[in-house]
Amino acid sequence: MQPLYLLIVAVALVALGTAEVMNDFSSCIKYFFGEKPPTGFEKTAFPVPEEHLNENNVPECLAAYQQSSPAYICQKIPKGNQYYFATLYDRGRRIPLYSAYLVQKGKPCGERPGFFRLEPQLIHRELSAESQQIQETKNIIKNYNNRTGCNPRFEENRETHKIKQSQAFDDDYNDAAKQGYDRGHLNPRQHHNQEEFCDSTFTFTNVVAMNKELNNKIWNKHEIEIKEIMESHCEQMYVITGAVPDNDKKVNNRVYVPSHIWSAYCCVNNKGLPIKSGGVLVRNNNNAQKQTMTVNKLEEELGKLYNQEIKLIDGCQT
């Protein structure tokens, strides 16, 4: 009986260890109205970039080996005691397709953390379930390599290479800044009033290359308007904000730039019933004009851009 017991415990520990990057959003389903995530995006993601396996190397040593795209991320941070929001991440394009979260009432947080975190489980599912700063991520990879016999003489086993293979990082967005793009948050810090929730938004899986003019003017104003609607009308507000990739445009020849930014919200009363909803769509350029529309209309517009039926928020027609 003891071996069976130990096996059950081992399986349970593995399940807990892979709580961040998962096969669905079941662990952070509360961030979707009616506990129903959007549909249609799964077919739009690019596959995990293939990597050549050198002779005598171990397949399990490769970053994102046998992983699927998109990745379902229930966002966590070190010392955090919960999941803070949900992200659908396009591994092939190295950008988030959308982030879903709840807007918090009250004054936004103070200082920014001054860094962006990485997602170790995008590299190997056995790694940390919390997003980490780059040096800690490298240490985690190094320990994994030592534990599993991944020889660093192969370039594809080295820490920096594995990070670059699996996701966007600082170098990509430093290059983006030279081309006039900001690190545009899909889930913005100003929609939260608790420090942990604010800090959790500073991960590369929650940002896209957003036109600087758009980010600082039209989109910033939109985020303020959403917070005002929450404060004056809602008991709770569900938001999903995403980016439509431009397949012809990249930064650092690695990370895809969005052609459009979009967002949809569902405002509910103290009984959890929807009382207000809406959507916006805007091109990711200097001359952007925000288009305000119903959620249903936004779904139609995204369907045209993706050439794929899209459903964002089911049951929140107001």
C-alpha atoms as a PDB file:
ATOM      1  CA  MET A   1       0.000   0.000   0.000  1.00  0.00           C
ATOM      2  CA  GLN A   2       2.845   2.390   0.729  1.00  0.00           C
ATOM      3  CA  PRO A   3       4.080   2.644  -2.898  1.00  0.00           C
ATOM      4  CA  LEU A   4       0.545   3.483  -4.071  1.00  0.00           C
ATOM      5  CA  TYR A   5       0.213   6.146  -1.378  1.00  0.00           C
ATOM      6  CA  LEU A   6       3.531   7.684  -2.378  1.00  0.00           C
ATOM      7  CA  LEU A   7       2.464   7.706  -6.020  1.00  0.00           C
ATOM      8  CA  ILE A   8      -0.747   9.553  -5.159  1.00  0.00           C
ATOM      9  CA  VAL A   9       1.197  12.112  -3.136  1.00  0.00           C
ATOM     10  CA  ALA A  10       3.697  12.576  -5.979  1.00  0.00           C
ATOM     11  CA  VAL A  11       0.931  13.158  -8.497  1.00  0.00           C
ATOM     12  CA  ALA A  12      -0.681  15.693  -6.176  1.00  0.00           C
ATOM     13  CA  LEU A  13       2.590  17.559  -5.778  1.00  0.00           C
ATOM     14  CA  VAL A  14       3.118  17.708  -9.545  1.00  0.00           C
ATOM     15  CA  ALA A  15      -0.387  19.099  -9.981  1.00  0.00           C
ATOM     16  CA  LEU A  16       0.319  21.811  -7.427  1.00  0.00           C
ATOM     17  CA  GLY A  17       3.680  22.580  -9.026  1.00  0.00           C
ATOM     18  CA  THR A  18       2.165  23.197 -12.449  1.00  0.00           C
ATOM     19  CA  ALA A  19      -0.622  25.471 -11.250  1.00  0.00           C
ATOM     20  CA  GLU A  20       0.325  28.526 -13.304  1.00  0.00           C
ATOM     21  CA  VAL A  21       0.694  27.376 -16.922  1.00  0.00           C
ATOM     22  CA  MET A  22      -2.100  24.878 -17.394  1.00  0.00           C
ATOM     23  CA  ASN A  23      -4.370  23.262 -19.955  1.00  0.00           C
ATOM     24  CA  ASP A  24      -7.300  25.570 -19.159  1.00  0.00           C
ATOM     25  CA  PHE A  25      -8.362  28.400 -16.830  1.00  0.00           C
ATOM     26  CA  SER A  26     -10.053  26.256 -14.195  1.00  0.00           C
ATOM     27  CA  SER A  27      -7.812  27.590 -11.401  1.00  0.00           C
ATOM     28  CA  CYS A  28      -8.558  31.256 -12.191  1.00  0.00           C
ATOM     29  CA  ILE A  29     -12.021  30.924 -13.725  1.00  0.00           C
ATOM     30  CA  LYS A  30     -13.420  33.589 -11.369  1.00  0.00           C
ATOM     31  CA  TYR A  31     -11.952  36.307 -13.604  1.00  0.00           C
ATOM     32  CA  PHE A  32     -14.451  35.511 -16.374  1.00  0.00           C
ATOM     33  CA  PHE A  33     -18.107  36.547 -16.223  1.00  0.00           C
ATOM     34  CA  GLY A  34     -20.252  33.480 -15.680  1.00  0.00           C
ATOM     35  CA  GLU A  35     -17.017  31.476 -15.393  1.00  0.00           C
ATOM     36  CA  LYS A  36     -16.934  31.292 -19.196  1.00  0.00           C
ATOM     37  CA  PRO A  37     -13.641  32.208 -20.912  1.00  0.00           C
ATOM     38  CA  PRO A  38     -13.694  33.587 -24.485  1.00  0.00           C
ATOM     39  CA  THR A  39     -13.791  31.108 -27.342  1.00  0.00           C
ATOM     40  CA  GLY A  40     -12.227  31.144 -30.799  1.00  0.00           C
ATOM     41  CA  PHE A  41      -8.739  32.344 -29.887  1.00  0.00           C
ATOM     42  CA  GLU A  42      -7.297  28.865 -29.420  1.00  0.00           C
ATOM     43  CA  LYS A  43      -7.186  28.345 -33.192  1.00  0.00           C
ATOM     44  CA  THR A  44      -5.466  31.685 -33.845  1.00  0.00           C
ATOM     45  CA  ALA A  45      -2.226  31.085 -31.904  1.00  0.00           C
ATOM     46  CA  PHE A  46       0.989  30.120 -33.655  1.00  0.00           C
ATOM     47  CA  PRO A  47       2.614  26.829 -32.577  1.00  0.00           C
ATOM     48  CA  VAL A  48       5.606  26.657 -30.256  1.00  0.00           C
ATOM     49  CA  PRO A  49       8.754  27.522 -32.278  1.00  0.00           C
ATOM     50  CA  GLU A  50      10.516  24.333 -33.297  1.00  0.00           C
ATOM     51  CA  GLU A  51      14.098  23.801 -32.233  1.00  0.00           C
ATOM     52  CA  HIS A  52      16.685  21.438 -33.651  1.00  0.00           C
ATOM     53  CA  LEU A  53      17.844  18.718 -31.301  1.00  0.00           C
ATOM     54  CA  ASN A  54      21.599  18.297 -31.372  1.00  0.00           C
ATOM     55  CA  GLU A  55      23.086  14.818 -31.335  1.00  0.00           C
ATOM     56  CA  ASN A  56      23.391  13.384 -27.802  1.00  0.00           C
ATOM     57  CA  ASN A  57      21.188  16.095 -26.292  1.00  0.00           C
ATOM     58  CA  VAL A  58      18.038  15.187 -24.335  1.00  0.00           C
ATOM     59  CA  PRO A  59      14.657  16.261 -25.807  1.00  0.00           C
ATOM     60  CA  GLU A  60      13.314  17.217 -22.359  1.00  0.00           C
ATOM     61  CA  CYS A  61      16.127  19.771 -22.104  1.00  0.00           C
ATOM     62  CA  LEU A  62      14.623  21.907 -24.878  1.00  0.00           C
ATOM     63  CA  ALA A  63      12.524  24.898 -23.823  1.00  0.00           C
ATOM     64  CA  ALA A  64       8.782  24.285 -24.129  1.00  0.00           C
ATOM     65  CA  TYR A  65       9.381  20.702 -25.252  1.00  0.00           C
ATOM     66  CA  GLN A  66       6.069  19.038 -26.219  1.00  0.00           C
ATOM     67  CA  GLN A  67       4.090  22.070 -25.024  1.00  0.00           C
ATOM     68  CA  SER A  68       1.049  23.401 -26.836  1.00  0.00           C
ATOM     69  CA  SER A  69       0.144  26.919 -27.931  1.00  0.00           C
ATOM     70  CA  PRO A  70      -1.619  28.975 -26.699  1.00  0.00           C
ATOM     71  CA  ALA A  71      -0.640  28.709 -23.037  1.00  0.00           C
ATOM     72  CA  TYR A  72      -3.273  29.194 -20.343  1.00  0.00           C
ATOM     73  CA  ILE A  73      -1.702  31.234 -17.546  1.00  0.00           C
ATOM     74  CA  CYS A  74      -3.220  31.816 -14.111  1.00  0.00           C
ATOM     75  CA  GLN A  75      -0.939  34.640 -13.030  1.00  0.00           C
ATOM     76  CA  LYS A  76       0.938  34.388  -9.733  1.00  0.00           C
ATOM     77  CA  ILE A  77       3.820  36.298  -8.157  1.00  0.00           C
ATOM     78  CA  PRO A  78       6.388  35.375  -5.474  1.00  0.00           C
ATOM     79  CA  LYS A  79       4.927  35.547  -1.940  1.00  0.00           C
ATOM     80  CA  GLY A  80       1.458  36.034  -3.450  1.00  0.00           C
ATOM     81  CA  ASN A  81      -1.323  33.963  -1.932  1.00  0.00           C
ATOM     82  CA  GLN A  82      -3.652  33.652  -4.923  1.00  0.00           C
ATOM     83  CA  TYR A  83      -4.084  33.951  -8.688  1.00  0.00           C
ATOM     84  CA  TYR A  84      -4.336  37.594  -9.745  1.00  0.00           C
ATOM     85  CA  PHE A  85      -5.662  37.395 -13.317  1.00  0.00           C
ATOM     86  CA  ALA A  86      -5.756  35.143 -16.380  1.00  0.00           C
ATOM     87  CA  THR A  87      -3.800  35.356 -19.642  1.00  0.00           C
ATOM     88  CA  LEU A  88      -3.994  33.450 -22.917  1.00  0.00           C
ATOM     89  CA  TYR A  89      -0.453  33.517 -24.302  1.00  0.00           C
ATOM     90  CA  ASP A  90       0.519  32.919 -27.932  1.00  0.00           C
ATOM     91  CA  ARG A  91       3.794  31.022 -27.612  1.00  0.00           C
ATOM     92  CA  GLY A  92       4.563  31.221 -31.321  1.00  0.00           C
ATOM     93  CA  ARG A  93       4.234  35.001 -31.537  1.00  0.00           C
ATOM     94  CA  ARG A  94       5.506  35.605 -27.980  1.00  0.00           C
ATOM     95  CA  ILE A  95       2.618  37.915 -27.061  1.00  0.00           C
ATOM     96  CA  PRO A  96      -0.558  37.642 -24.983  1.00  0.00           C
ATOM     97  CA  LEU A  97      -3.776  37.260 -26.971  1.00  0.00           C
ATOM     98  CA  TYR A  98      -5.745  38.602 -24.013  1.00  0.00           C
ATOM     99  CA  SER A  99      -5.751  39.108 -20.253  1.00  0.00           C
ATOM    100  CA  ALA A 100      -8.903  38.836 -18.106  1.00  0.00           C
ATOM    101  CA  TYR A 101      -9.250  40.475 -14.705  1.00  0.00           C
ATOM    102  CA  LEU A 102     -11.526  42.210 -12.188  1.00  0.00           C
ATOM    103  CA  VAL A 103     -11.320  45.986 -11.763  1.00  0.00           C
ATOM    104  CA  GLN A 104     -10.825  47.128  -8.167  1.00  0.00           C
ATOM    105  CA  LYS A 105     -12.383  50.260  -6.690  1.00  0.00           C
ATOM    106  CA  GLY A 106     -10.271  52.831  -4.915  1.00  0.00           C
ATOM    107  CA  LYS A 107      -7.068  54.769  -5.491  1.00  0.00           C
ATOM    108  CA  PRO A 108      -4.511  53.049  -7.772  1.00  0.00           C
ATOM    109  CA  CYS A 109      -1.243  51.745  -6.337  1.00  0.00           C
ATOM    110  CA  GLY A 110       1.813  53.925  -5.868  1.00  0.00           C
ATOM    111  CA  GLU A 111       5.271  53.222  -7.249  1.00  0.00           C
ATOM    112  CA  ARG A 112       5.922  50.774 -10.060  1.00  0.00           C
ATOM    113  CA  PRO A 113       8.168  47.800  -9.252  1.00  0.00           C
ATOM    114  CA  GLY A 114      10.806  48.878 -11.831  1.00  0.00           C
ATOM    115  CA  PHE A 115      11.078  45.493 -13.554  1.00  0.00           C
ATOM    116  CA  PHE A 116       9.054  42.940 -15.508  1.00  0.00           C
ATOM    117  CA  ARG A 117       8.870  39.269 -14.606  1.00  0.00           C
ATOM    118  CA  LEU A 118       9.188  36.132 -16.716  1.00  0.00           C
ATOM    119  CA  GLU A 119       7.132  32.926 -16.621  1.00  0.00           C
ATOM    120  CA  PRO A 120       9.383  29.927 -15.804  1.00  0.00           C
ATOM    121  CA  GLN A 121       6.662  27.417 -16.635  1.00  0.00           C
ATOM    122  CA  LEU A 122       6.659  28.583 -20.241  1.00  0.00           C
ATOM    123  CA  ILE A 123      10.146  27.051 -20.330  1.00  0.00           C
ATOM    124  CA  HIS A 124       9.470  23.848 -18.404  1.00  0.00           C
ATOM    125  CA  ARG A 125       6.164  22.972 -16.751  1.00  0.00           C
ATOM    126  CA  GLU A 126       8.008  21.610 -13.698  1.00  0.00           C
ATOM    127  CA  LEU A 127       9.482  25.022 -12.816  1.00  0.00           C
ATOM    128  CA  SER A 128       8.204  27.770 -10.519  1.00  0.00           C
ATOM    129  CA  ALA A 129       4.469  28.499 -10.654  1.00  0.00           C
ATOM    130  CA  GLU A 130       5.165  32.168  -9.898  1.00  0.00           C
ATOM    131  CA  SER A 131       6.502  34.724 -12.356  1.00  0.00           C
ATOM    132  CA  GLN A 132      10.113  35.635 -11.548  1.00  0.00           C
ATOM    133  CA  GLN A 133      12.711  38.298 -12.269  1.00  0.00           C
ATOM    134  CA  ILE A 134      15.278  37.383 -14.892  1.00  0.00           C
ATOM    135  CA  GLN A 135      18.175  36.417 -12.581  1.00  0.00           C
ATOM    136  CA  GLU A 136      15.967  34.203 -10.447  1.00  0.00           C
ATOM    137  CA  THR A 137      14.589  32.627 -13.623  1.00  0.00           C
ATOM    138  CA  LYS A 138      18.134  31.854 -14.775  1.00  0.00           C
ATOM    139  CA  ASN A 139      18.918  30.282 -11.397  1.00  0.00           C
ATOM    140  CA  ILE A 140      15.798  28.123 -11.623  1.00  0.00           C
ATOM    141  CA  ILE A 141      16.774  26.958 -15.126  1.00  0.00           C
ATOM    142  CA  LYS A 142      20.332  26.225 -14.007  1.00  0.00           C
ATOM    143  CA  ASN A 143      19.055  24.081 -11.144  1.00  0.00           C
ATOM    144  CA  TYR A 144      16.727  22.262 -13.538  1.00  0.00           C
ATOM    145  CA  ASN A 145      19.610  21.609 -15.945  1.00  0.00           C
ATOM    146  CA  ASN A 146      21.780  20.233 -13.153  1.00  0.00           C
ATOM    147  CA  ARG A 147      18.973  18.064 -11.842  1.00  0.00           C
ATOM    148  CA  THR A 148      18.010  16.602 -15.222  1.00  0.00           C
ATOM    149  CA  GLY A 149      21.437  16.346 -16.840  1.00  0.00           C
ATOM    150  CA  CYS A 150      20.945  19.083 -19.453  1.00  0.00           C
ATOM    151  CA  ASN A 151      24.482  19.867 -20.571  1.00  0.00           C
ATOM    152  CA  PRO A 152      25.135  23.634 -20.944  1.00  0.00           C
ATOM    153  CA  ARG A 153      27.701  22.970 -23.681  1.00  0.00           C
ATOM    154  CA  PHE A 154      24.656  22.787 -25.972  1.00  0.00           C
ATOM    155  CA  GLU A 155      23.493  26.341 -26.643  1.00  0.00           C
ATOM    156  CA  GLU A 156      19.819  25.356 -26.535  1.00  0.00           C
ATOM    157  CA  ASN A 157      20.271  24.284 -22.883  1.00  0.00           C
ATOM    158  CA  ARG A 158      21.693  27.591 -21.693  1.00  0.00           C
ATOM    159  CA  GLU A 159      19.601  29.835 -19.474  1.00  0.00           C
ATOM    160  CA  THR A 160      19.331  32.889 -21.739  1.00  0.00           C
ATOM    161  CA  HIS A 161      18.599  30.770 -24.805  1.00  0.00           C
ATOM    162  CA  LYS A 162      15.753  28.971 -23.046  1.00  0.00           C
ATOM    163  CA  ILE A 163      14.215  32.271 -21.956  1.00  0.00           C
ATOM    164  CA  LYS A 164      14.440  33.715 -25.465  1.00  0.00           C
ATOM    165  CA  GLN A 165      12.999  30.563 -27.003  1.00  0.00           C
ATOM    166  CA  SER A 166       9.951  30.513 -24.752  1.00  0.00           C
ATOM    167  CA  GLN A 167       8.814  34.148 -24.359  1.00  0.00           C
ATOM    168  CA  ALA A 168       9.529  37.834 -24.796  1.00  0.00           C
ATOM    169  CA  PHE A 169      11.972  39.581 -22.480  1.00  0.00           C
ATOM    170  CA  ASP A 170      13.745  42.919 -21.903  1.00  0.00           C
ATOM    171  CA  ASP A 171      15.837  42.927 -25.094  1.00  0.00           C
ATOM    172  CA  ASP A 172      12.699  42.645 -27.212  1.00  0.00           C
ATOM    173  CA  TYR A 173      10.963  45.598 -25.613  1.00  0.00           C
ATOM    174  CA  ASN A 174      14.131  47.684 -25.531  1.00  0.00           C
ATOM    175  CA  ASP A 175      14.171  47.252 -29.306  1.00  0.00           C
ATOM    176  CA  ALA A 176      10.455  48.049 -29.425  1.00  0.00           C
ATOM    177  CA  ALA A 177      11.089  51.354 -27.639  1.00  0.00           C
ATOM    178  CA  LYS A 178      13.519  52.375 -30.392  1.00  0.00           C
ATOM    179  CA  GLN A 179      10.676  51.858 -32.892  1.00  0.00           C
ATOM    180  CA  GLY A 180       8.185  53.985 -30.956  1.00  0.00           C
ATOM    181  CA  TYR A 181       6.438  51.277 -28.921  1.00  0.00           C
ATOM    182  CA  ASP A 182       5.716  51.137 -25.198  1.00  0.00           C
ATOM    183  CA  ARG A 183       5.269  48.108 -22.998  1.00  0.00           C
ATOM    184  CA  GLY A 184       1.499  48.308 -23.166  1.00  0.00           C
ATOM    185  CA  HIS A 185      -0.284  46.503 -20.333  1.00  0.00           C
ATOM    186  CA  LEU A 186      -3.415  44.540 -21.211  1.00  0.00           C
ATOM    187  CA  ASN A 187      -4.272  44.351 -17.525  1.00  0.00           C
ATOM    188  CA  PRO A 188      -3.177  47.796 -16.294  1.00  0.00           C
ATOM    189  CA  ARG A 189      -1.953  48.564 -12.794  1.00  0.00           C
ATOM    190  CA  GLN A 190      -4.266  51.578 -12.525  1.00  0.00           C
ATOM    191  CA  HIS A 191      -7.267  49.231 -12.417  1.00  0.00           C
ATOM    192  CA  HIS A 192      -6.104  47.856  -9.048  1.00  0.00           C
ATOM    193  CA  ASN A 193      -5.650  49.258  -5.549  1.00  0.00           C
ATOM    194  CA  GLN A 194      -3.846  46.377  -3.827  1.00  0.00           C
ATOM    195  CA  GLU A 195      -0.077  46.219  -4.174  1.00  0.00           C
ATOM    196  CA  GLU A 196       0.088  42.522  -5.052  1.00  0.00           C
ATOM    197  CA  PHE A 197      -2.493  42.901  -7.822  1.00  0.00           C
ATOM    198  CA  CYS A 198      -0.620  45.910  -9.228  1.00  0.00           C
ATOM    199  CA  ASP A 199       2.740  44.130  -9.135  1.00  0.00           C
ATOM    200  CA  SER A 200       1.299  41.044 -10.820  1.00  0.00           C
ATOM    201  CA  THR A 201       0.616  43.045 -13.981  1.00  0.00           C
ATOM    202  CA  PHE A 202       4.354  43.586 -14.545  1.00  0.00           C
ATOM    203  CA  THR A 203       5.036  40.404 -16.463  1.00  0.00           C
ATOM    204  CA  PHE A 204       6.062  40.104 -20.100  1.00  0.00           C
ATOM    205  CA  THR A 205       3.076  37.820 -20.662  1.00  0.00           C
ATOM    206  CA  ASN A 206       0.775  40.787 -19.953  1.00  0.00           C
ATOM    207  CA  VAL A 207       2.326  43.392 -22.274  1.00  0.00           C
ATOM    208  CA  VAL A 208       2.416  44.034 -26.009  1.00  0.00           C
ATOM    209  CA  ALA A 209       4.285  46.484 -28.213  1.00  0.00           C
ATOM    210  CA  MET A 210       1.788  49.353 -28.077  1.00  0.00           C
ATOM    211  CA  ASN A 211       2.258  52.555 -30.034  1.00  0.00           C
ATOM    212  CA  LYS A 212       3.587  55.177 -27.621  1.00  0.00           C
ATOM    213  CA  GLU A 213       1.094  57.860 -28.682  1.00  0.00           C
ATOM    214  CA  LEU A 214      -1.792  55.439 -28.352  1.00  0.00           C
ATOM    215  CA  ASN A 215      -0.671  54.150 -24.957  1.00  0.00           C
ATOM    216  CA  ASN A 216      -0.149  57.586 -23.410  1.00  0.00           C
ATOM    217  CA  LYS A 217      -3.249  59.275 -24.807  1.00  0.00           C
ATOM    218  CA  ILE A 218      -6.252  57.374 -26.187  1.00  0.00           C
ATOM    219  CA  TRP A 219      -5.673  54.104 -24.356  1.00  0.00           C
ATOM    220  CA  ASN A 220      -4.761  55.760 -21.062  1.00  0.00           C
ATOM    221  CA  LYS A 221      -7.954  57.817 -21.275  1.00  0.00           C
ATOM    222  CA  HIS A 222      -9.948  54.654 -21.997  1.00  0.00           C
ATOM    223  CA  GLU A 223      -8.494  52.935 -18.906  1.00  0.00           C
ATOM    224  CA  ILE A 224      -9.487  55.949 -16.781  1.00  0.00           C
ATOM    225  CA  GLU A 225     -13.029  55.857 -18.212  1.00  0.00           C
ATOM    226  CA  ILE A 226     -13.349  52.150 -17.356  1.00  0.00           C
ATOM    227  CA  LYS A 227     -12.298  52.839 -13.763  1.00  0.00           C
ATOM    228  CA  GLU A 228     -14.887  55.660 -13.553  1.00  0.00           C
ATOM    229  CA  ILE A 229     -17.657  53.357 -14.802  1.00  0.00           C
ATOM    230  CA  MET A 230     -16.647  50.794 -12.188  1.00  0.00           C
ATOM    231  CA  GLU A 231     -16.686  53.382  -9.393  1.00  0.00           C
ATOM    232  CA  SER A 232     -20.065  54.884 -10.293  1.00  0.00           C
ATOM    233  CA  HIS A 233     -22.122  51.943 -11.583  1.00  0.00           C
ATOM    234  CA  CYS A 234     -20.758  48.512 -10.698  1.00  0.00           C
ATOM    235  CA  GLU A 235     -20.478  46.211  -7.748  1.00  0.00           C
ATOM    236  CA  GLN A 236     -17.998  44.221  -9.815  1.00  0.00           C
ATOM    237  CA  MET A 237     -16.539  44.605 -13.305  1.00  0.00           C
ATOM    238  CA  TYR A 238     -15.116  41.863 -15.505  1.00  0.00           C
ATOM    239  CA  VAL A 239     -12.676  43.049 -18.187  1.00  0.00           C
ATOM    240  CA  ILE A 240     -10.997  41.212 -21.058  1.00  0.00           C
ATOM    241  CA  THR A 241      -8.376  43.164 -23.011  1.00  0.00           C
ATOM    242  CA  GLY A 242      -6.475  41.769 -25.952  1.00  0.00           C
ATOM    243  CA  ALA A 243      -4.320  42.334 -29.008  1.00  0.00           C
ATOM    244  CA  VAL A 244      -4.741  41.234 -32.620  1.00  0.00           C
ATOM    245  CA  PRO A 245      -1.301  40.227 -33.962  1.00  0.00           C
ATOM    246  CA  ASP A 246       0.036  41.751 -37.180  1.00  0.00           C
ATOM    247  CA  ASN A 247       1.667  38.797 -38.903  1.00  0.00           C
ATOM    248  CA  ASP A 248       3.867  41.103 -40.974  1.00  0.00           C
ATOM    249  CA  LYS A 249       5.384  43.149 -38.164  1.00  0.00           C
ATOM    250  CA  LYS A 250       7.815  42.172 -35.395  1.00  0.00           C
ATOM    251  CA  VAL A 251      10.168  43.854 -32.944  1.00  0.00           C
ATOM    252  CA  ASN A 252      13.670  42.407 -32.535  1.00  0.00           C
ATOM    253  CA  ASN A 253      12.676  40.002 -35.313  1.00  0.00           C
ATOM    254  CA  ARG A 254      10.992  37.849 -32.628  1.00  0.00           C
ATOM    255  CA  VAL A 255       7.948  39.421 -30.990  1.00  0.00           C
ATOM    256  CA  TYR A 256       4.877  40.224 -33.046  1.00  0.00           C
ATOM    257  CA  VAL A 257       3.387  43.715 -32.950  1.00  0.00           C
ATOM    258  CA  PRO A 258      -0.419  44.030 -32.667  1.00  0.00           C
ATOM    259  CA  SER A 259      -2.412  45.582 -35.488  1.00  0.00           C
ATOM    260  CA  HIS A 260      -5.290  46.349 -33.097  1.00  0.00           C
ATOM    261  CA  ILE A 261      -5.947  46.609 -29.367  1.00  0.00           C
ATOM    262  CA  TRP A 262      -9.408  45.761 -28.041  1.00  0.00           C
ATOM    263  CA  SER A 263     -11.266  45.522 -24.748  1.00  0.00           C
ATOM    264  CA  ALA A 264     -14.661  44.398 -23.463  1.00  0.00           C
ATOM    265  CA  TYR A 265     -16.248  44.778 -20.030  1.00  0.00           C
ATOM    266  CA  CYS A 266     -19.253  43.463 -18.110  1.00  0.00           C
ATOM    267  CA  CYS A 267     -20.530  45.453 -15.117  1.00  0.00           C
ATOM    268  CA  VAL A 268     -22.707  43.633 -12.565  1.00  0.00           C
ATOM    269  CA  ASN A 269     -24.784  44.710  -9.547  1.00  0.00           C
ATOM    270  CA  ASN A 270     -24.673  43.369  -5.990  1.00  0.00           C
ATOM    271  CA  LYS A 271     -26.724  40.357  -7.100  1.00  0.00           C
ATOM    272  CA  GLY A 272     -24.210  39.494  -9.814  1.00  0.00           C
ATOM    273  CA  LEU A 273     -26.595  40.512 -12.598  1.00  0.00           C
ATOM    274  CA  PRO A 274     -25.259  42.430 -15.628  1.00  0.00           C
ATOM    275  CA  ILE A 275     -26.305  46.078 -15.797  1.00  0.00           C
ATOM    276  CA  LYS A 276     -23.817  47.594 -18.246  1.00  0.00           C
ATOM    277  CA  SER A 277     -21.377  46.351 -20.888  1.00  0.00           C
ATOM    278  CA  GLY A 278     -19.346  47.634 -23.796  1.00  0.00           C
ATOM    279  CA  GLY A 279     -16.394  47.182 -26.083  1.00  0.00           C
ATOM    280  CA  VAL A 280     -13.698  49.214 -27.814  1.00  0.00           C
ATOM    281  CA  LEU A 281     -11.394  48.598 -30.761  1.00  0.00           C
ATOM    282  CA  VAL A 282      -8.466  50.734 -31.898  1.00  0.00           C
ATOM    283  CA  ARG A 283      -5.628  50.463 -34.409  1.00  0.00           C
ATOM    284  CA  ASN A 284      -2.153  50.296 -32.947  1.00  0.00           C
ATOM    285  CA  ASN A 285      -0.706  53.401 -34.621  1.00  0.00           C
ATOM    286  CA  ASN A 286      -0.191  57.164 -34.246  1.00  0.00           C
ATOM    287  CA  ASN A 287      -3.462  58.057 -35.967  1.00  0.00           C
ATOM    288  CA  ALA A 288      -5.655  55.734 -33.927  1.00  0.00           C
ATOM    289  CA  GLN A 289      -9.325  56.516 -33.402  1.00  0.00           C
ATOM    290  CA  LYS A 290     -11.130  54.583 -30.689  1.00  0.00           C
ATOM    291  CA  GLN A 291     -14.267  52.798 -31.864  1.00  0.00           C
ATOM    292  CA  THR A 292     -16.818  52.270 -29.100  1.00  0.00           C
ATOM    293  CA  MET A 293     -19.365  49.491 -29.628  1.00  0.00           C
ATOM    294  CA  THR A 294     -21.387  46.749 -28.020  1.00  0.00           C
ATOM    295  CA  VAL A 295     -19.699  43.519 -26.990  1.00  0.00           C
ATOM    296  CA  ASN A 296     -21.579  41.687 -29.744  1.00  0.00           C
ATOM    297  CA  LYS A 297     -20.322  44.164 -32.335  1.00  0.00           C
ATOM    298  CA  LEU A 298     -16.767  43.825 -31.046  1.00  0.00           C
ATOM    299  CA  GLU A 299     -17.056  40.060 -31.398  1.00  0.00           C
ATOM    300  CA  GLU A 300     -18.122  40.542 -35.017  1.00  0.00           C
ATOM    301  CA  GLU A 301     -15.207  42.883 -35.743  1.00  0.00           C
ATOM    302  CA  LEU A 302     -12.680  40.542 -34.148  1.00  0.00           C
ATOM    303  CA  GLY A 303     -14.181  37.680 -36.126  1.00  0.00           C
ATOM    304  CA  LYS A 304     -13.379  39.564 -39.320  1.00  0.00           C
ATOM    305  CA  LEU A 305      -9.812  40.356 -38.215  1.00  0.00           C
ATOM    306  CA  TYR A 306      -9.107  36.775 -37.170  1.00  0.00           C
ATOM    307  CA  ASN A 307     -11.240  35.138 -39.843  1.00  0.00           C
ATOM    308  CA  GLN A 308     -12.550  33.057 -36.980  1.00  0.00           C
ATOM    309  CA  GLU A 309     -15.747  33.137 -34.892  1.00  0.00           C
ATOM    310  CA  ILE A 310     -14.989  34.866 -31.594  1.00  0.00           C
ATOM    311  CA  LYS A 311     -17.044  34.937 -28.392  1.00  0.00           C
ATOM    312  CA  LEU A 312     -15.878  37.254 -25.604  1.00  0.00           C
ATOM    313  CA  ILE A 313     -18.480  37.548 -22.847  1.00  0.00           C
ATOM    314  CA  ASP A 314     -21.449  35.215 -22.917  1.00  0.00           C
ATOM    315  CA  GLY A 315     -24.683  36.353 -21.255  1.00  0.00           C
ATOM    316  CA  CYS A 316     -23.802  39.994 -20.542  1.00  0.00           C
ATOM    317  CA  GLN A 317     -26.031  41.713 -23.083  1.00  0.00           C
ATOM    318  CA  THR A 318     -27.388  44.939 -21.565  1.00  0.00           C
END
